[in-house]
Amino acid sequence: MRVIRKYANRRLYDTQQSRYVTLEDLRRLIIEEEPFKVEDAKSGEDLTRTILLSIIIEQEQADSEAEVFSNDLLAQLIRVYDMTSPLPLSRYLEQGTQLMLEQQKRLQSQWKQAMRNTPLEFMRELTEENMRFWQKTLNQPGQADESGDAEPHEEDSSDASNDNKPSS
């Protein structure tokens, strides 16, 4: 697991790459599903959760169009902390978010597959296949294509049969 050290000057240091990093760099690690841990450089205290929350705050402020946490939702989350027996919200959010991400990946994959199989794409693939066949056939007469469907020309087959006869 990659270790990131946070110094008193609020700088983050990636011990694996031996360089300072930003919250944006850590966000990219998250997207790439690279595990990391942020620890206080002096005390060794685990600060990962605090840094993850900082990344979320930065994301929320960066693009109001992509806002995930509305004011109402944030107020409701604060109320959950004040409940006498808090709901198992963490587990519910983790599982729900994981399910949503998996479904999103599956949907994107199916969409790419559907777009790949449009009639126009099919015709393009067919044309490319035909071009490869004819280029191979014209460049190497008498040779079969990759699928073995090409037949030798008559003159080529007679030459081939003559090649097998012993010379006198």
N, C-alpha and C. Protein backbone atom coordinates (compact mmCIF):
# COMPACT_ATOMS: atom_id res chain seq x y z
N MET A 1 0.86 -1.18 0.00
CA MET A 1 0.00 0.00 0.00
C MET A 1 0.90 1.24 0.00
N ARG A 2 0.54 2.18 -0.83
CA ARG A 2 1.31 3.41 -0.94
C ARG A 2 1.10 4.26 0.32
N VAL A 3 2.17 4.80 0.85
CA VAL A 3 2.10 5.65 2.05
C VAL A 3 2.36 7.09 1.65
N ILE A 4 1.44 7.95 2.06
CA ILE A 4 1.55 9.39 1.85
C ILE A 4 1.73 10.02 3.22
N ARG A 5 2.74 10.84 3.35
CA ARG A 5 2.98 11.51 4.63
C ARG A 5 2.53 12.95 4.54
N LYS A 6 1.82 13.39 5.58
CA LYS A 6 1.35 14.77 5.65
C LYS A 6 2.23 15.49 6.67
N TYR A 7 2.82 16.57 6.22
CA TYR A 7 3.71 17.36 7.08
C TYR A 7 2.97 18.53 7.70
N ALA A 8 3.59 19.14 8.70
CA ALA A 8 2.97 20.25 9.43
C ALA A 8 2.63 21.41 8.50
N ASN A 9 3.39 21.59 7.43
CA ASN A 9 3.11 22.67 6.47
C ASN A 9 1.98 22.30 5.51
N ARG A 10 1.27 21.22 5.80
CA ARG A 10 0.12 20.72 5.04
C ARG A 10 0.50 20.12 3.69
N ARG A 11 1.79 19.92 3.46
CA ARG A 11 2.21 19.29 2.20
C ARG A 11 2.13 17.77 2.34
N LEU A 12 1.81 17.13 1.23
CA LEU A 12 1.66 15.68 1.18
C LEU A 12 2.84 15.10 0.39
N TYR A 13 3.48 14.09 0.96
CA TYR A 13 4.66 13.50 0.34
C TYR A 13 4.43 12.03 0.06
N ASP A 14 4.56 11.64 -1.21
CA ASP A 14 4.38 10.26 -1.64
C ASP A 14 5.72 9.54 -1.43
N THR A 15 5.75 8.63 -0.47
CA THR A 15 7.00 7.94 -0.14
C THR A 15 7.41 6.95 -1.22
N GLN A 16 6.48 6.46 -2.01
CA GLN A 16 6.80 5.51 -3.07
C GLN A 16 7.48 6.20 -4.24
N GLN A 17 6.98 7.39 -4.60
CA GLN A 17 7.53 8.12 -5.74
C GLN A 17 8.54 9.19 -5.33
N SER A 18 8.72 9.36 -4.04
CA SER A 18 9.66 10.35 -3.50
C SER A 18 9.41 11.75 -4.08
N ARG A 19 8.16 12.18 -3.97
CA ARG A 19 7.81 13.52 -4.44
C ARG A 19 6.57 14.02 -3.71
N TYR A 20 6.42 15.35 -3.72
CA TYR A 20 5.23 15.94 -3.12
C TYR A 20 4.05 15.77 -4.08
N VAL A 21 2.87 15.56 -3.51
CA VAL A 21 1.66 15.36 -4.31
C VAL A 21 0.57 16.31 -3.83
N THR A 22 -0.45 16.44 -4.65
CA THR A 22 -1.60 17.30 -4.34
C THR A 22 -2.82 16.43 -4.09
N LEU A 23 -3.88 17.07 -3.67
CA LEU A 23 -5.15 16.34 -3.51
C LEU A 23 -5.61 15.79 -4.86
N GLU A 24 -5.33 16.52 -5.92
CA GLU A 24 -5.69 16.06 -7.27
C GLU A 24 -4.94 14.77 -7.61
N ASP A 25 -3.67 14.70 -7.25
CA ASP A 25 -2.89 13.48 -7.48
C ASP A 25 -3.52 12.30 -6.72
N LEU A 26 -3.93 12.55 -5.49
CA LEU A 26 -4.56 11.49 -4.69
C LEU A 26 -5.91 11.10 -5.28
N ARG A 27 -6.65 12.07 -5.80
CA ARG A 27 -7.93 11.79 -6.44
C ARG A 27 -7.72 10.84 -7.63
N ARG A 28 -6.66 11.08 -8.41
CA ARG A 28 -6.35 10.20 -9.54
C ARG A 28 -6.01 8.78 -9.06
N LEU A 29 -5.29 8.69 -7.94
CA LEU A 29 -5.00 7.36 -7.39
C LEU A 29 -6.29 6.63 -7.03
N ILE A 30 -7.23 7.36 -6.47
CA ILE A 30 -8.52 6.76 -6.10
C ILE A 30 -9.24 6.27 -7.35
N ILE A 31 -9.27 7.09 -8.38
CA ILE A 31 -9.94 6.71 -9.63
C ILE A 31 -9.28 5.48 -10.24
N GLU A 32 -7.95 5.41 -10.14
CA GLU A 32 -7.22 4.26 -10.67
C GLU A 32 -7.25 3.06 -9.72
N GLU A 33 -7.98 3.22 -8.61
CA GLU A 33 -8.15 2.17 -7.60
C GLU A 33 -6.82 1.72 -7.01
N GLU A 34 -5.90 2.67 -6.85
CA GLU A 34 -4.61 2.42 -6.21
C GLU A 34 -4.75 2.70 -4.72
N PRO A 35 -4.57 1.70 -3.89
CA PRO A 35 -4.73 1.92 -2.44
C PRO A 35 -3.60 2.77 -1.87
N PHE A 36 -3.96 3.64 -0.95
CA PHE A 36 -2.96 4.45 -0.26
C PHE A 36 -3.45 4.76 1.14
N LYS A 37 -2.51 5.18 1.94
CA LYS A 37 -2.79 5.55 3.33
C LYS A 37 -2.07 6.87 3.57
N VAL A 38 -2.77 7.81 4.21
CA VAL A 38 -2.15 9.09 4.55
C VAL A 38 -1.89 9.09 6.05
N GLU A 39 -0.66 9.37 6.41
CA GLU A 39 -0.33 9.41 7.83
C GLU A 39 0.40 10.70 8.17
N ASP A 40 0.23 11.11 9.42
CA ASP A 40 0.93 12.29 9.91
C ASP A 40 2.42 11.96 9.96
N ALA A 41 3.24 12.84 9.40
CA ALA A 41 4.68 12.58 9.32
C ALA A 41 5.33 12.47 10.68
N LYS A 42 4.81 13.21 11.65
CA LYS A 42 5.43 13.24 12.98
C LYS A 42 4.89 12.13 13.89
N SER A 43 3.57 12.02 13.99
CA SER A 43 2.97 11.09 14.94
C SER A 43 2.63 9.73 14.34
N GLY A 44 2.52 9.63 13.01
CA GLY A 44 2.13 8.39 12.36
C GLY A 44 0.63 8.15 12.38
N GLU A 45 -0.14 9.11 12.92
CA GLU A 45 -1.60 9.00 12.98
C GLU A 45 -2.17 8.86 11.57
N ASP A 46 -3.17 7.99 11.43
CA ASP A 46 -3.83 7.78 10.14
C ASP A 46 -4.75 8.95 9.83
N LEU A 47 -4.45 9.67 8.76
CA LEU A 47 -5.23 10.84 8.34
C LEU A 47 -5.99 10.60 7.04
N THR A 48 -6.05 9.35 6.61
CA THR A 48 -6.66 9.02 5.32
C THR A 48 -8.08 9.54 5.20
N ARG A 49 -8.88 9.29 6.20
CA ARG A 49 -10.30 9.71 6.17
C ARG A 49 -10.42 11.22 6.01
N THR A 50 -9.62 11.97 6.75
CA THR A 50 -9.65 13.44 6.67
C THR A 50 -9.27 13.91 5.27
N ILE A 51 -8.26 13.28 4.69
CA ILE A 51 -7.83 13.66 3.34
C ILE A 51 -8.90 13.31 2.32
N LEU A 52 -9.53 12.15 2.47
CA LEU A 52 -10.62 11.76 1.55
C LEU A 52 -11.77 12.75 1.63
N LEU A 53 -12.10 13.18 2.84
CA LEU A 53 -13.15 14.20 2.98
C LEU A 53 -12.74 15.52 2.33
N SER A 54 -11.46 15.86 2.43
CA SER A 54 -10.96 17.08 1.78
C SER A 54 -11.09 16.99 0.26
N ILE A 55 -10.82 15.80 -0.28
CA ILE A 55 -10.95 15.60 -1.73
C ILE A 55 -12.41 15.76 -2.14
N ILE A 56 -13.33 15.22 -1.34
CA ILE A 56 -14.76 15.37 -1.64
C ILE A 56 -15.15 16.84 -1.60
N ILE A 57 -14.71 17.55 -0.59
CA ILE A 57 -15.03 18.98 -0.48
C ILE A 57 -14.51 19.73 -1.70
N GLU A 58 -13.28 19.42 -2.11
CA GLU A 58 -12.70 20.07 -3.28
C GLU A 58 -13.53 19.78 -4.53
N GLN A 59 -13.96 18.52 -4.69
CA GLN A 59 -14.80 18.14 -5.83
C GLN A 59 -16.13 18.89 -5.81
N GLU A 60 -16.73 18.96 -4.65
CA GLU A 60 -18.03 19.62 -4.51
C GLU A 60 -17.93 21.11 -4.85
N GLN A 61 -16.83 21.74 -4.48
CA GLN A 61 -16.66 23.17 -4.74
C GLN A 61 -16.23 23.45 -6.17
N ALA A 62 -15.56 22.49 -6.79
CA ALA A 62 -15.00 22.70 -8.13
C ALA A 62 -16.07 22.80 -9.21
N ASP A 63 -17.13 22.02 -9.09
CA ASP A 63 -18.12 21.97 -10.16
C ASP A 63 -19.52 21.83 -9.57
N SER A 64 -20.24 22.94 -9.54
CA SER A 64 -21.58 22.90 -8.95
C SER A 64 -22.55 22.05 -9.79
N GLU A 65 -22.22 21.82 -11.06
CA GLU A 65 -23.05 20.97 -11.91
C GLU A 65 -22.98 19.51 -11.47
N ALA A 66 -21.81 19.10 -10.97
CA ALA A 66 -21.60 17.71 -10.58
C ALA A 66 -21.78 17.50 -9.08
N GLU A 67 -22.48 18.41 -8.46
CA GLU A 67 -22.69 18.35 -7.02
C GLU A 67 -23.39 17.05 -6.62
N VAL A 68 -22.80 16.36 -5.64
CA VAL A 68 -23.38 15.11 -5.14
C VAL A 68 -24.17 15.37 -3.86
N PHE A 69 -23.62 16.22 -2.99
CA PHE A 69 -24.23 16.47 -1.70
C PHE A 69 -24.97 17.81 -1.70
N SER A 70 -26.28 17.73 -1.77
CA SER A 70 -27.10 18.95 -1.69
C SER A 70 -27.12 19.44 -0.24
N ASN A 71 -27.56 20.65 -0.03
CA ASN A 71 -27.67 21.17 1.34
C ASN A 71 -28.61 20.31 2.18
N ASP A 72 -29.71 19.88 1.60
CA ASP A 72 -30.67 19.04 2.33
C ASP A 72 -30.03 17.70 2.74
N LEU A 73 -29.29 17.10 1.82
CA LEU A 73 -28.65 15.82 2.14
C LEU A 73 -27.60 16.00 3.24
N LEU A 74 -26.82 17.06 3.15
CA LEU A 74 -25.81 17.31 4.19
C LEU A 74 -26.47 17.53 5.56
N ALA A 75 -27.58 18.27 5.57
CA ALA A 75 -28.31 18.49 6.83
C ALA A 75 -28.82 17.16 7.39
N GLN A 76 -29.33 16.30 6.52
CA GLN A 76 -29.82 15.00 6.97
C GLN A 76 -28.68 14.14 7.53
N LEU A 77 -27.54 14.19 6.89
CA LEU A 77 -26.38 13.44 7.39
C LEU A 77 -25.96 13.93 8.78
N ILE A 78 -26.00 15.23 8.98
CA ILE A 78 -25.66 15.79 10.29
C ILE A 78 -26.65 15.31 11.34
N ARG A 79 -27.93 15.22 10.97
CA ARG A 79 -28.95 14.73 11.90
C ARG A 79 -28.70 13.27 12.29
N VAL A 80 -28.19 12.47 11.36
CA VAL A 80 -27.90 11.06 11.65
C VAL A 80 -26.87 10.97 12.78
N TYR A 81 -25.88 11.86 12.79
CA TYR A 81 -24.87 11.84 13.85
C TYR A 81 -25.47 12.15 15.22
N ASP A 82 -26.60 12.83 15.25
CA ASP A 82 -27.22 13.24 16.51
C ASP A 82 -28.25 12.22 17.02
N MET A 83 -28.50 11.17 16.26
CA MET A 83 -29.49 10.17 16.67
C MET A 83 -28.95 9.36 17.86
N THR A 84 -29.86 8.95 18.74
CA THR A 84 -29.44 8.17 19.91
C THR A 84 -28.88 6.81 19.49
N SER A 85 -29.50 6.19 18.49
CA SER A 85 -28.93 4.95 17.93
C SER A 85 -28.83 5.17 16.41
N PRO A 86 -27.67 5.65 15.98
CA PRO A 86 -27.50 5.97 14.56
C PRO A 86 -27.78 4.78 13.64
N LEU A 87 -28.31 5.09 12.49
CA LEU A 87 -28.58 4.07 11.48
C LEU A 87 -27.25 3.52 10.97
N PRO A 88 -27.25 2.30 10.46
CA PRO A 88 -26.01 1.76 9.87
C PRO A 88 -25.80 2.40 8.48
N LEU A 89 -25.74 3.71 8.47
CA LEU A 89 -25.70 4.47 7.23
C LEU A 89 -24.42 4.21 6.43
N SER A 90 -23.31 4.09 7.11
CA SER A 90 -22.04 3.87 6.43
C SER A 90 -22.08 2.62 5.55
N ARG A 91 -22.53 1.53 6.13
CA ARG A 91 -22.61 0.26 5.39
C ARG A 91 -23.59 0.37 4.22
N TYR A 92 -24.72 1.00 4.47
CA TYR A 92 -25.73 1.18 3.42
C TYR A 92 -25.17 2.03 2.27
N LEU A 93 -24.51 3.13 2.59
CA LEU A 93 -23.94 4.00 1.56
C LEU A 93 -22.83 3.29 0.78
N GLU A 94 -21.97 2.56 1.48
CA GLU A 94 -20.90 1.83 0.81
C GLU A 94 -21.45 0.81 -0.18
N GLN A 95 -22.41 0.00 0.28
CA GLN A 95 -22.97 -1.04 -0.58
C GLN A 95 -23.77 -0.44 -1.74
N GLY A 96 -24.54 0.61 -1.44
CA GLY A 96 -25.33 1.25 -2.49
C GLY A 96 -24.46 1.91 -3.54
N THR A 97 -23.40 2.55 -3.10
CA THR A 97 -22.48 3.21 -4.03
C THR A 97 -21.74 2.17 -4.86
N GLN A 98 -21.31 1.08 -4.24
CA GLN A 98 -20.62 0.01 -4.97
C GLN A 98 -21.53 -0.57 -6.04
N LEU A 99 -22.77 -0.82 -5.69
CA LEU A 99 -23.74 -1.35 -6.65
C LEU A 99 -23.94 -0.37 -7.81
N MET A 100 -24.07 0.91 -7.48
CA MET A 100 -24.27 1.92 -8.52
C MET A 100 -23.07 1.98 -9.47
N LEU A 101 -21.84 1.92 -8.93
CA LEU A 101 -20.64 1.95 -9.76
C LEU A 101 -20.55 0.72 -10.67
N GLU A 102 -20.86 -0.44 -10.13
CA GLU A 102 -20.84 -1.67 -10.93
C GLU A 102 -21.87 -1.61 -12.05
N GLN A 103 -23.07 -1.12 -11.73
CA GLN A 103 -24.11 -1.00 -12.76
C GLN A 103 -23.70 0.02 -13.82
N GLN A 104 -23.05 1.10 -13.41
CA GLN A 104 -22.60 2.12 -14.35
C GLN A 104 -21.56 1.53 -15.31
N LYS A 105 -20.60 0.76 -14.78
CA LYS A 105 -19.60 0.11 -15.63
C LYS A 105 -20.25 -0.85 -16.61
N ARG A 106 -21.20 -1.63 -16.11
CA ARG A 106 -21.89 -2.60 -16.96
C ARG A 106 -22.68 -1.88 -18.05
N LEU A 107 -23.36 -0.80 -17.70
CA LEU A 107 -24.12 -0.03 -18.67
C LEU A 107 -23.21 0.57 -19.74
N GLN A 108 -22.08 1.14 -19.32
CA GLN A 108 -21.13 1.71 -20.28
C GLN A 108 -20.60 0.64 -21.22
N SER A 109 -20.30 -0.53 -20.68
CA SER A 109 -19.80 -1.64 -21.50
C SER A 109 -20.86 -2.07 -22.52
N GLN A 110 -22.10 -2.19 -22.07
CA GLN A 110 -23.18 -2.58 -22.98
C GLN A 110 -23.42 -1.51 -24.04
N TRP A 111 -23.30 -0.25 -23.65
CA TRP A 111 -23.52 0.84 -24.59
C TRP A 111 -22.42 0.82 -25.66
N LYS A 112 -21.17 0.61 -25.23
CA LYS A 112 -20.07 0.53 -26.19
C LYS A 112 -20.29 -0.62 -27.15
N GLN A 113 -20.74 -1.75 -26.61
CA GLN A 113 -20.99 -2.92 -27.45
C GLN A 113 -22.12 -2.63 -28.44
N ALA A 114 -23.18 -1.97 -27.98
CA ALA A 114 -24.30 -1.64 -28.86
C ALA A 114 -23.86 -0.66 -29.94
N MET A 115 -23.04 0.32 -29.56
CA MET A 115 -22.57 1.30 -30.54
C MET A 115 -21.62 0.66 -31.54
N ARG A 116 -20.86 -0.31 -31.07
CA ARG A 116 -19.91 -1.00 -31.93
C ARG A 116 -20.64 -1.79 -33.01
N ASN A 117 -21.83 -2.26 -32.71
CA ASN A 117 -22.56 -3.12 -33.63
C ASN A 117 -23.61 -2.38 -34.45
N THR A 118 -23.44 -1.08 -34.66
CA THR A 118 -24.38 -0.36 -35.50
C THR A 118 -24.21 -0.84 -36.95
N PRO A 119 -25.21 -0.67 -37.78
CA PRO A 119 -25.08 -1.10 -39.18
C PRO A 119 -23.89 -0.46 -39.88
N LEU A 120 -23.64 0.80 -39.59
CA LEU A 120 -22.51 1.49 -40.21
C LEU A 120 -21.19 0.87 -39.79
N GLU A 121 -21.06 0.57 -38.51
CA GLU A 121 -19.84 -0.05 -37.99
C GLU A 121 -19.67 -1.45 -38.58
N PHE A 122 -20.76 -2.17 -38.69
CA PHE A 122 -20.72 -3.51 -39.28
C PHE A 122 -20.22 -3.43 -40.72
N MET A 123 -20.74 -2.48 -41.48
CA MET A 123 -20.31 -2.32 -42.87
C MET A 123 -18.83 -1.93 -42.95
N ARG A 124 -18.38 -1.08 -42.02
CA ARG A 124 -16.98 -0.67 -42.01
C ARG A 124 -16.09 -1.88 -41.73
N GLU A 125 -16.47 -2.69 -40.74
CA GLU A 125 -15.68 -3.88 -40.41
C GLU A 125 -15.67 -4.87 -41.58
N LEU A 126 -16.82 -5.04 -42.21
CA LEU A 126 -16.92 -5.94 -43.35
C LEU A 126 -16.04 -5.44 -44.50
N THR A 127 -16.07 -4.15 -44.76
CA THR A 127 -15.25 -3.56 -45.83
C THR A 127 -13.78 -3.75 -45.52
N GLU A 128 -13.38 -3.51 -44.28
CA GLU A 128 -11.97 -3.70 -43.91
C GLU A 128 -11.56 -5.16 -44.08
N GLU A 129 -12.42 -6.06 -43.70
CA GLU A 129 -12.13 -7.49 -43.85
C GLU A 129 -11.97 -7.84 -45.33
N ASN A 130 -12.86 -7.32 -46.17
CA ASN A 130 -12.77 -7.56 -47.60
C ASN A 130 -11.49 -6.98 -48.19
N MET A 131 -11.13 -5.79 -47.74
CA MET A 131 -9.90 -5.16 -48.24
C MET A 131 -8.68 -6.00 -47.86
N ARG A 132 -8.64 -6.48 -46.63
CA ARG A 132 -7.50 -7.32 -46.21
C ARG A 132 -7.44 -8.59 -47.07
N PHE A 133 -8.59 -9.17 -47.30
CA PHE A 133 -8.65 -10.38 -48.13
C PHE A 133 -8.09 -10.12 -49.52
N TRP A 134 -8.58 -9.06 -50.18
CA TRP A 134 -8.16 -8.78 -51.55
C TRP A 134 -6.70 -8.33 -51.62
N GLN A 135 -6.24 -7.57 -50.63
CA GLN A 135 -4.83 -7.18 -50.63
C GLN A 135 -3.95 -8.42 -50.51
N LYS A 136 -4.31 -9.31 -49.63
CA LYS A 136 -3.53 -10.52 -49.44
C LYS A 136 -3.59 -11.39 -50.69
N THR A 137 -4.77 -11.49 -51.28
CA THR A 137 -4.94 -12.31 -52.47
C THR A 137 -4.15 -11.75 -53.64
N LEU A 138 -4.20 -10.45 -53.84
CA LEU A 138 -3.49 -9.82 -54.96
C LEU A 138 -1.98 -9.80 -54.73
N ASN A 139 -1.55 -9.66 -53.51
CA ASN A 139 -0.12 -9.60 -53.21
C ASN A 139 0.53 -10.97 -53.15
N GLN A 140 -0.25 -11.99 -52.82
CA GLN A 140 0.30 -13.34 -52.70
C GLN A 140 -0.62 -14.32 -53.42
N PRO A 141 -0.60 -14.34 -54.75
CA PRO A 141 -1.51 -15.24 -55.47
C PRO A 141 -1.22 -16.69 -55.09
N GLY A 142 -2.31 -17.43 -54.97
CA GLY A 142 -2.20 -18.84 -54.65
C GLY A 142 -2.12 -19.12 -53.16
N GLN A 143 -1.99 -18.10 -52.35
CA GLN A 143 -1.93 -18.29 -50.90
C GLN A 143 -3.32 -18.15 -50.32
N ALA A 144 -3.65 -18.92 -49.31
CA ALA A 144 -4.95 -18.81 -48.64
C ALA A 144 -4.90 -17.65 -47.68
N ASP A 145 -6.07 -17.02 -47.46
CA ASP A 145 -6.12 -15.93 -46.46
C ASP A 145 -6.14 -16.55 -45.08
N GLU A 146 -6.30 -15.71 -44.05
CA GLU A 146 -6.26 -16.16 -42.67
C GLU A 146 -7.29 -17.24 -42.38
N SER A 147 -8.44 -17.18 -43.05
CA SER A 147 -9.48 -18.17 -42.77
C SER A 147 -9.36 -19.39 -43.67
N GLY A 148 -8.42 -19.35 -44.66
CA GLY A 148 -8.23 -20.49 -45.54
C GLY A 148 -9.26 -20.58 -46.63
N ASP A 149 -9.97 -19.49 -46.90
CA ASP A 149 -11.05 -19.50 -47.89
C ASP A 149 -10.56 -19.26 -49.30
N ALA A 150 -9.38 -18.68 -49.49
CA ALA A 150 -8.93 -18.34 -50.84
C ALA A 150 -8.50 -19.61 -51.56
N GLU A 151 -8.85 -19.68 -52.84
CA GLU A 151 -8.45 -20.84 -53.63
C GLU A 151 -7.38 -20.39 -54.60
N PRO A 152 -6.41 -21.25 -54.93
CA PRO A 152 -5.37 -20.85 -55.86
C PRO A 152 -5.93 -20.69 -57.26
N HIS A 153 -5.29 -19.80 -58.01
CA HIS A 153 -5.68 -19.62 -59.41
C HIS A 153 -5.28 -20.88 -60.17
N GLU A 154 -5.93 -21.13 -61.33
CA GLU A 154 -5.64 -22.35 -62.08
C GLU A 154 -4.18 -22.41 -62.45
N GLU A 155 -3.62 -21.27 -62.97
CA GLU A 155 -2.24 -21.30 -63.39
C GLU A 155 -1.31 -21.55 -62.21
N ASP A 156 -1.71 -21.03 -61.01
CA ASP A 156 -0.88 -21.23 -59.84
C ASP A 156 -0.90 -22.68 -59.40
N SER A 157 -2.05 -23.35 -59.54
CA SER A 157 -2.14 -24.73 -59.10
C SER A 157 -1.34 -25.63 -60.03
N SER A 158 -1.27 -25.30 -61.34
CA SER A 158 -0.47 -26.10 -62.25
C SER A 158 1.00 -25.90 -61.95
N ASP A 159 1.39 -24.64 -61.60
CA ASP A 159 2.79 -24.39 -61.24
C ASP A 159 3.14 -25.15 -59.98
N ALA A 160 2.21 -25.17 -59.03
CA ALA A 160 2.45 -25.86 -57.77
C ALA A 160 2.62 -27.35 -58.01
N SER A 161 1.83 -27.94 -58.96
CA SER A 161 1.95 -29.37 -59.21
C SER A 161 3.26 -29.66 -59.92
N ASN A 162 3.73 -28.74 -60.76
CA ASN A 162 5.01 -28.93 -61.42
C ASN A 162 6.17 -28.86 -60.45
N ASP A 163 6.01 -28.07 -59.37
CA ASP A 163 7.07 -27.94 -58.39
C ASP A 163 7.32 -29.26 -57.67
N ASN A 164 6.28 -30.08 -57.57
CA ASN A 164 6.40 -31.33 -56.84
C ASN A 164 7.02 -32.46 -57.71
N LYS A 165 7.13 -32.23 -59.04
CA LYS A 165 7.68 -33.27 -59.92
C LYS A 165 9.19 -33.20 -59.85
N PRO A 166 9.82 -34.35 -59.86
CA PRO A 166 11.28 -34.33 -59.86
C PRO A 166 11.80 -33.82 -61.19
N SER A 167 12.90 -33.11 -61.18
CA SER A 167 13.46 -32.62 -62.43
C SER A 167 14.24 -33.72 -63.09
N SER A 168 14.17 -33.68 -64.42
CA SER A 168 14.88 -34.74 -65.13
C SER A 168 16.13 -34.22 -65.77
